Amino acid sequence: MLLKTFGWSFAVTALGLVAAVLYGGWTGFGIVAILSILEVSVSFDNAVVNAGILKKMNAFWQKIFLTAGVLIAVFGMRLVFPVVIVAISAKIGPIEAVRLALDDKDTYQQLVTDAHPSIAAFGGMFLLMIFLDFLFEDREIKWLGWLERPLARLGKVDMLSVCIALVVLFASAMTFATNAHQHGGSHADKTETVLIAGIAGLITYLVVGGLSGYFENRLEEEEEREHAAEEAARRSGKKVPAVVMAGKAAFFMFLYLEVLDASFSFDGVIGAFAITNDIVLLALGLGIGAMYVRSLTVYLVRQGTLDDYVYLEHGAHYAIGALAVILLVTIQYEIHEVITGLVGVVLIAWSFFSSVQRNRRAAAAEGKDTGADEKAEVSSGV
């Protein structure tokens, strides 16, 4: 099971590390190894959230997530994305951006750093919407009940999460503009870019999330009809073929996963420049890490971990909220990537420990009930 799920990740790790040695010697090997570990630690919450979505998809689309999805994640977000950002922000062609990435690494890193405010605004708004919609939804299982119960009641107000997200974006942009003008910074003219990027992140979430939600509801209706047909068939002694998952539903859920992964990867890509500005080593290290995150996602689904540890999904969404805030804060202020990674790890570890405690309490209560039933049987027998 472990080899089947992580086999591709092990293979990519071996090839990536060999390529790192051939390209940059043992120094390159060390940098790629560090980047891989950084990516996994920062993106563990990504795997937990992805698993919550992926478990609704069949085995075929899980394979697509691990194959075609990896191409998008590794080559798209970890290699092409930084080049595209540089090309757009510096108003140069993609070929020139690639030349800078290979031949003038310092200039390339500076251009990516200059583009960070718009990247952080887009990713921060997308992730903030995920967190707010989770927080305002009234769900049966609550982790921090004292907080989640009143927020679930507030969630009945239409478009509340959108309003809060826009207020947060406006406050972030205004703080960015004020500080830039006070210090005579070169980013003063980028306030409009930050607002546009943030609104683009919000629109992306509403469109992709809305479509995936719509088709997910269609899928649930189809499954209910399937169960009803199977029940009727059992009563009559007939067999009814199973209804296959709707292609549109799976496609839009897959699309939602890819946009979600892209937003999660922003902090990893930007933070990686603190370790190296070599685009080849960046792609190798972050690519290996992305493979493990995807394999871990599938592993969580197939092992049923989210069903056994019910607060893990809560912890991951709180980590998303923390990451969204961190991204928006980094529009103006620098936050070390170690802090970003530790926040997510602490929240998920806390939710895991809470889940273990909950399971122990449930097992103890079940044991007491069983003991009471046995005593009652003995008493009635006597």
Protein backbone atom coordinates (compact mmCIF):
# COMPACT_ATOMS: atom_id res chain seq x y z
CA MET A 1 0.00 0.00 0.00
CA LEU A 2 2.76 2.43 0.99
CA LEU A 3 4.91 1.63 -2.05
CA LYS A 4 1.90 1.78 -4.37
CA THR A 5 0.93 5.24 -3.14
CA PHE A 6 4.40 6.75 -2.76
CA GLY A 7 6.17 4.83 -5.53
CA TRP A 8 6.17 7.73 -8.00
CA SER A 9 7.35 10.10 -5.26
CA PHE A 10 10.30 7.82 -4.44
CA ALA A 11 11.19 7.57 -8.14
CA VAL A 12 10.99 11.33 -8.68
CA THR A 13 13.10 11.88 -5.55
CA ALA A 14 15.86 9.59 -6.84
CA LEU A 15 15.87 11.19 -10.30
CA GLY A 16 15.67 14.71 -8.88
CA LEU A 17 18.58 14.22 -6.50
CA VAL A 18 20.70 12.65 -9.24
CA ALA A 19 19.90 15.60 -11.50
CA ALA A 20 20.82 17.98 -8.65
CA VAL A 21 24.23 16.33 -8.24
CA LEU A 22 24.91 16.43 -12.00
CA TYR A 23 23.81 20.08 -12.21
CA GLY A 24 25.20 21.57 -9.00
CA GLY A 25 27.34 18.95 -7.33
CA TRP A 26 26.83 17.97 -3.70
CA THR A 27 25.92 21.56 -2.88
CA GLY A 28 23.04 21.28 -5.32
CA PHE A 29 22.09 17.95 -3.73
CA GLY A 30 21.86 19.59 -0.29
CA ILE A 31 19.84 22.56 -1.55
CA VAL A 32 17.33 20.33 -3.36
CA ALA A 33 16.95 18.11 -0.26
CA ILE A 34 16.29 21.14 1.96
CA LEU A 35 13.78 22.59 -0.50
CA SER A 36 11.93 19.27 -0.68
CA ILE A 37 11.58 19.09 3.11
CA LEU A 38 10.51 22.75 3.23
CA GLU A 39 7.80 22.18 0.64
CA VAL A 40 6.37 19.13 2.45
CA SER A 41 6.36 20.83 5.87
CA VAL A 42 4.76 24.03 4.58
CA SER A 43 2.18 22.18 2.46
CA PHE A 44 1.07 19.40 4.83
CA ASP A 45 -2.16 21.28 5.51
CA ASN A 46 -2.65 21.36 1.74
CA ALA A 47 -2.63 17.55 1.68
CA VAL A 48 -5.25 17.32 4.44
CA VAL A 49 -7.61 19.76 2.72
CA ASN A 50 -7.06 18.13 -0.67
CA ALA A 51 -7.88 14.74 0.85
CA GLY A 52 -11.25 16.06 2.02
CA ILE A 53 -12.09 16.90 -1.59
CA LEU A 54 -10.35 13.98 -3.28
CA LYS A 55 -12.21 11.35 -1.25
CA LYS A 56 -15.38 12.36 -3.12
CA MET A 57 -13.75 11.39 -6.43
CA ASN A 58 -13.36 7.91 -7.87
CA ALA A 59 -10.09 6.01 -8.39
CA PHE A 60 -9.75 7.24 -11.99
CA TRP A 61 -9.74 10.91 -11.00
CA GLN A 62 -7.43 10.19 -8.09
CA LYS A 63 -4.97 8.83 -10.67
CA ILE A 64 -5.47 11.95 -12.81
CA PHE A 65 -4.68 14.03 -9.72
CA LEU A 66 -1.41 12.11 -9.33
CA THR A 67 -0.42 12.24 -13.02
CA ALA A 68 -1.74 15.19 -15.02
CA GLY A 69 -2.17 17.14 -11.80
CA VAL A 70 1.48 16.65 -10.97
CA LEU A 71 2.52 18.13 -14.32
CA ILE A 72 0.47 21.23 -13.51
CA ALA A 73 1.80 21.43 -9.95
CA VAL A 74 5.46 20.73 -10.65
CA PHE A 75 6.02 22.31 -14.05
CA GLY A 76 3.23 24.87 -13.93
CA MET A 77 3.50 26.32 -10.44
CA ARG A 78 7.09 25.52 -9.53
CA LEU A 79 8.79 26.25 -12.85
CA VAL A 80 6.56 28.17 -15.28
CA PHE A 81 4.74 30.32 -12.70
CA PRO A 82 7.82 32.25 -11.44
CA VAL A 83 8.88 32.88 -15.04
CA VAL A 84 5.41 34.15 -16.01
CA ILE A 85 5.31 36.42 -12.94
CA VAL A 86 8.66 37.93 -13.88
CA ALA A 87 7.58 38.39 -17.50
CA ILE A 88 4.37 40.18 -16.50
CA SER A 89 5.80 42.33 -13.70
CA ALA A 90 8.93 43.35 -15.64
CA LYS A 91 6.98 43.68 -18.91
CA ILE A 92 9.40 41.46 -20.79
CA GLY A 93 8.92 38.41 -23.00
CA PRO A 94 8.88 34.89 -21.52
CA ILE A 95 12.09 33.98 -23.39
CA GLU A 96 13.88 36.95 -21.83
CA ALA A 97 12.50 35.94 -18.42
CA VAL A 98 13.92 32.43 -18.88
CA ARG A 99 17.27 33.93 -19.90
CA LEU A 100 17.32 36.01 -16.71
CA ALA A 101 16.42 32.95 -14.64
CA LEU A 102 19.37 31.01 -16.05
CA ASP A 103 22.01 33.72 -16.61
CA ASP A 104 21.17 36.60 -14.25
CA LYS A 105 19.79 34.94 -11.11
CA ASP A 106 20.07 38.03 -8.86
CA THR A 107 17.99 40.19 -11.19
CA TYR A 108 15.50 37.36 -11.61
CA GLN A 109 15.12 36.98 -7.83
CA GLN A 110 14.64 40.73 -7.44
CA LEU A 111 11.89 40.76 -10.07
CA VAL A 112 10.07 37.89 -8.34
CA THR A 113 10.39 39.72 -5.01
CA ASP A 114 8.96 42.89 -6.59
CA ALA A 115 5.97 40.87 -7.83
CA HIS A 116 5.32 39.41 -4.36
CA PRO A 117 2.61 41.93 -3.28
CA SER A 118 0.29 40.97 -6.15
CA ILE A 119 1.04 37.24 -5.70
CA ALA A 120 0.33 37.46 -1.96
CA ALA A 121 -2.90 39.39 -2.55
CA PHE A 122 -4.23 36.81 -5.04
CA GLY A 123 -3.27 33.76 -2.96
CA GLY A 124 -4.23 35.37 0.34
CA MET A 125 -7.75 36.22 -0.83
CA PHE A 126 -8.33 32.78 -2.35
CA LEU A 127 -7.23 30.99 0.82
CA LEU A 128 -9.10 33.45 3.07
CA MET A 129 -12.35 32.65 1.26
CA ILE A 130 -11.80 28.92 1.78
CA PHE A 131 -11.25 29.50 5.50
CA LEU A 132 -14.23 31.84 5.95
CA ASP A 133 -16.66 29.58 4.11
CA PHE A 134 -15.52 26.65 6.25
CA LEU A 135 -15.83 28.70 9.44
CA PHE A 136 -19.33 30.00 8.68
CA GLU A 137 -20.73 26.59 7.71
CA ASP A 138 -22.83 24.82 10.35
CA ARG A 139 -21.34 21.34 10.54
CA GLU A 140 -22.25 18.41 12.75
CA ILE A 141 -18.73 17.87 14.15
CA LYS A 142 -17.18 20.93 15.79
CA TRP A 143 -13.62 21.15 17.07
CA LEU A 144 -13.55 24.52 18.87
CA GLY A 145 -17.24 24.61 19.71
CA TRP A 146 -17.07 27.88 21.67
CA LEU A 147 -15.91 29.62 18.49
CA GLU A 148 -17.53 27.59 15.71
CA ARG A 149 -21.12 27.62 17.07
CA PRO A 150 -21.62 31.42 17.07
CA LEU A 151 -19.76 31.77 13.76
CA ALA A 152 -22.03 29.12 12.19
CA ARG A 153 -25.03 31.22 13.24
CA LEU A 154 -23.41 34.31 11.71
CA GLY A 155 -22.86 32.31 8.53
CA LYS A 156 -26.60 32.44 7.83
CA VAL A 157 -26.08 36.04 6.66
CA ASP A 158 -25.77 35.96 2.86
CA MET A 159 -22.39 36.89 1.33
CA LEU A 160 -20.85 37.56 4.76
CA SER A 161 -17.56 35.84 3.86
CA VAL A 162 -17.26 37.92 0.66
CA CYS A 163 -17.86 41.16 2.57
CA ILE A 164 -15.27 40.29 5.22
CA ALA A 165 -12.72 39.27 2.58
CA LEU A 166 -13.18 42.56 0.70
CA VAL A 167 -12.79 44.58 3.90
CA VAL A 168 -9.57 42.68 4.71
CA LEU A 169 -8.25 43.26 1.18
CA PHE A 170 -9.06 46.98 1.30
CA ALA A 171 -7.37 47.34 4.70
CA SER A 172 -4.28 45.46 3.46
CA ALA A 173 -4.00 47.59 0.34
CA MET A 174 -4.46 50.86 2.24
CA THR A 175 -1.84 49.86 4.84
CA PHE A 176 0.52 48.94 2.02
CA ALA A 177 -0.06 52.30 0.28
CA THR A 178 0.32 54.35 3.48
CA ASN A 179 3.58 52.70 4.50
CA ALA A 180 4.99 52.92 0.97
CA HIS A 181 4.29 56.67 0.79
CA GLN A 182 5.61 57.36 4.30
CA HIS A 183 8.89 55.61 3.58
CA GLY A 184 9.16 56.79 0.01
CA GLY A 185 9.07 53.18 -1.17
CA SER A 186 9.06 52.10 -4.77
CA HIS A 187 5.85 50.11 -4.23
CA ALA A 188 3.60 53.14 -3.79
CA ASP A 189 2.28 52.80 -7.32
CA LYS A 190 1.43 49.11 -6.83
CA THR A 191 -1.56 49.60 -4.52
CA GLU A 192 -3.92 49.36 -7.47
CA THR A 193 -2.16 46.17 -8.59
CA VAL A 194 -2.63 44.66 -5.12
CA LEU A 195 -6.36 45.47 -5.18
CA ILE A 196 -6.80 44.04 -8.67
CA ALA A 197 -4.84 40.87 -7.79
CA GLY A 198 -6.88 40.40 -4.59
CA ILE A 199 -10.18 40.83 -6.42
CA ALA A 200 -8.93 38.38 -9.07
CA GLY A 201 -8.27 35.83 -6.30
CA LEU A 202 -11.77 36.38 -4.93
CA ILE A 203 -13.38 36.01 -8.37
CA THR A 204 -11.34 32.86 -9.06
CA TYR A 205 -12.57 31.31 -5.82
CA LEU A 206 -16.20 32.24 -6.50
CA VAL A 207 -16.14 30.91 -10.07
CA VAL A 208 -14.17 27.69 -9.55
CA GLY A 209 -15.60 26.98 -6.09
CA GLY A 210 -19.11 27.74 -7.28
CA LEU A 211 -18.85 25.44 -10.28
CA SER A 212 -17.31 22.61 -8.27
CA GLY A 213 -20.00 23.01 -5.60
CA TYR A 214 -22.75 22.96 -8.20
CA PHE A 215 -21.51 19.79 -9.85
CA GLU A 216 -20.81 18.21 -6.47
CA ASN A 217 -24.47 18.72 -5.57
CA ARG A 218 -25.46 17.19 -8.89
CA LEU A 219 -23.24 14.23 -8.09
CA GLU A 220 -24.85 13.75 -4.66
CA GLU A 221 -28.31 13.82 -6.24
CA GLU A 222 -27.15 11.22 -8.76
CA GLU A 223 -25.80 9.02 -5.97
CA GLU A 224 -29.08 9.28 -4.05
CA ARG A 225 -30.99 8.15 -7.16
CA GLU A 226 -28.47 5.32 -7.58
CA HIS A 227 -28.97 4.12 -4.00
CA ALA A 228 -32.74 4.28 -4.41
CA ALA A 229 -32.54 2.27 -7.64
CA GLU A 230 -30.27 -0.33 -6.03
CA GLU A 231 -32.66 -0.67 -3.08
CA ALA A 232 -35.60 -1.15 -5.43
CA ALA A 233 -33.60 -3.67 -7.44
CA ARG A 234 -32.76 -5.68 -4.33
CA ARG A 235 -36.42 -5.86 -3.39
CA SER A 236 -37.42 -7.07 -6.85
CA GLY A 237 -34.38 -9.37 -7.28
CA LYS A 238 -33.01 -7.45 -10.28
CA LYS A 239 -29.57 -5.92 -10.86
CA VAL A 240 -29.06 -2.27 -11.70
CA PRO A 241 -25.73 -1.04 -13.12
CA ALA A 242 -23.93 1.50 -10.95
CA VAL A 243 -24.03 5.11 -12.07
CA VAL A 244 -20.58 6.39 -12.96
CA MET A 245 -19.43 9.70 -11.48
CA ALA A 246 -20.43 12.62 -13.70
CA GLY A 247 -17.49 13.81 -15.78
CA LYS A 248 -18.27 17.50 -15.27
CA ALA A 249 -18.45 17.07 -11.51
CA ALA A 250 -15.08 15.33 -11.39
CA PHE A 251 -13.51 17.85 -13.78
CA PHE A 252 -14.53 20.93 -11.82
CA MET A 253 -13.54 19.35 -8.52
CA PHE A 254 -10.17 18.58 -10.12
CA LEU A 255 -9.93 22.19 -11.35
CA TYR A 256 -10.75 23.44 -7.86
CA LEU A 257 -7.99 21.23 -6.44
CA GLU A 258 -5.46 22.64 -8.90
CA VAL A 259 -6.30 26.27 -8.07
CA LEU A 260 -6.16 25.41 -4.37
CA ASP A 261 -2.74 23.81 -4.82
CA ALA A 262 -1.56 26.87 -6.74
CA SER A 263 -2.59 29.19 -3.90
CA PHE A 264 -0.86 26.97 -1.34
CA SER A 265 2.32 26.95 -3.40
CA PHE A 266 2.73 30.74 -3.47
CA ASP A 267 4.41 30.94 -0.07
CA GLY A 268 6.62 27.93 -0.82
CA VAL A 269 7.83 29.35 -4.14
CA ILE A 270 8.54 32.79 -2.71
CA GLY A 271 10.08 31.42 0.49
CA ALA A 272 12.36 29.12 -1.50
CA PHE A 273 14.24 32.14 -2.84
CA ALA A 274 15.59 32.62 0.69
CA ILE A 275 17.54 29.39 0.12
CA THR A 276 18.53 29.70 -3.54
CA ASN A 277 17.75 31.79 -6.61
CA ASP A 278 18.77 29.07 -9.06
CA ILE A 279 15.63 28.28 -11.06
CA VAL A 280 16.75 24.70 -11.84
CA LEU A 281 17.40 23.79 -8.19
CA LEU A 282 14.15 25.53 -7.21
CA ALA A 283 12.16 23.46 -9.68
CA LEU A 284 13.82 20.20 -8.61
CA GLY A 285 13.39 20.75 -4.86
CA LEU A 286 9.85 22.12 -4.94
CA GLY A 287 8.85 19.52 -7.53
CA ILE A 288 9.95 16.63 -5.31
CA GLY A 289 8.09 18.18 -2.38
CA ALA A 290 4.95 18.62 -4.48
CA MET A 291 5.03 14.92 -5.40
CA TYR A 292 5.06 13.90 -1.73
CA VAL A 293 2.21 16.27 -0.92
CA ARG A 294 0.12 14.68 -3.66
CA SER A 295 0.98 11.13 -2.63
CA LEU A 296 0.19 12.00 0.98
CA THR A 297 -3.19 13.33 -0.13
CA VAL A 298 -4.09 10.03 -1.81
CA TYR A 299 -2.72 8.07 1.18
CA LEU A 300 -4.99 10.00 3.58
CA VAL A 301 -7.98 9.23 1.36
CA ARG A 302 -7.28 5.50 0.94
CA GLN A 303 -6.48 4.98 4.64
CA GLY A 304 -9.63 6.82 5.71
CA THR A 305 -7.55 9.00 8.03
CA LEU A 306 -9.98 11.91 7.89
CA ASP A 307 -12.80 9.63 9.03
CA ASP A 308 -10.73 8.26 11.92
CA TYR A 309 -9.35 11.63 13.04
CA VAL A 310 -12.31 13.94 12.54
CA TYR A 311 -10.66 17.19 13.66
CA LEU A 312 -7.81 17.00 11.12
CA GLU A 313 -9.85 18.81 8.49
CA HIS A 314 -10.67 21.54 10.99
CA GLY A 315 -7.01 21.99 11.86
CA ALA A 316 -6.06 22.18 8.19
CA HIS A 317 -8.63 24.89 7.52
CA TYR A 318 -7.42 26.91 10.50
CA ALA A 319 -3.94 26.54 9.03
CA ILE A 320 -5.34 27.86 5.73
CA GLY A 321 -6.74 30.87 7.57
CA ALA A 322 -3.37 31.50 9.22
CA LEU A 323 -1.57 31.18 5.88
CA ALA A 324 -4.05 33.61 4.25
CA VAL A 325 -3.37 36.19 6.97
CA ILE A 326 0.40 35.64 6.69
CA LEU A 327 0.30 36.13 2.89
CA LEU A 328 -1.67 39.37 3.25
CA VAL A 329 0.69 40.62 5.96
CA THR A 330 3.70 39.86 3.75
CA ILE A 331 2.37 42.36 1.22
CA GLN A 332 4.10 44.91 3.43
CA TYR A 333 6.09 43.04 6.07
CA GLU A 334 8.55 40.15 5.80
CA ILE A 335 7.73 36.94 7.68
CA HIS A 336 10.21 34.06 7.76
CA GLU A 337 9.02 30.92 5.99
CA VAL A 338 9.87 28.83 9.08
CA ILE A 339 7.11 30.64 10.97
CA THR A 340 4.70 29.95 8.11
CA GLY A 341 5.49 26.25 8.18
CA LEU A 342 5.40 25.94 11.98
CA VAL A 343 1.96 27.57 12.27
CA GLY A 344 0.45 24.95 9.97
CA VAL A 345 2.25 22.04 11.64
CA VAL A 346 1.19 23.17 15.15
CA LEU A 347 -2.47 23.57 14.21
CA ILE A 348 -2.64 20.18 12.47
CA ALA A 349 -0.77 18.46 15.31
CA TRP A 350 -3.19 20.03 17.80
CA SER A 351 -6.22 18.87 15.80
CA PHE A 352 -4.71 15.36 15.50
CA PHE A 353 -4.14 15.16 19.27
CA SER A 354 -7.70 16.39 19.87
CA SER A 355 -9.01 13.69 17.52
CA VAL A 356 -7.07 10.99 19.39
CA GLN A 357 -8.51 12.19 22.70
CA ARG A 358 -12.01 12.20 21.22
CA ASN A 359 -11.58 8.62 19.98
CA ARG A 360 -10.35 7.49 23.39
CA ARG A 361 -13.35 9.08 25.13
CA ALA A 362 -15.69 7.45 22.64
CA ALA A 363 -14.04 4.04 23.15
CA ALA A 364 -14.21 4.41 26.94
CA ALA A 365 -17.89 5.37 26.79
CA GLU A 366 -18.61 2.42 24.49
CA GLY A 367 -16.77 0.11 26.92
CA LYS A 368 -18.87 1.35 29.83
CA ASP A 369 -22.08 0.84 27.85
CA THR A 370 -21.02 -2.70 26.90
CA GLY A 371 -20.20 -3.50 30.54
CA ALA A 372 -23.55 -2.17 31.69
CA ASP A 373 -25.37 -4.26 29.09
CA GLU A 374 -23.50 -7.42 30.16
CA LYS A 375 -24.37 -6.81 33.83
CA ALA A 376 -28.02 -6.32 32.89
CA GLU A 377 -28.03 -9.60 30.97
CA VAL A 378 -26.48 -11.44 33.92
CA SER A 379 -29.03 -9.95 36.31
CA SER A 380 -31.96 -10.86 34.10
CA GLY A 381 -30.55 -14.41 33.71
CA VAL A 382 -30.29 -14.86 37.45
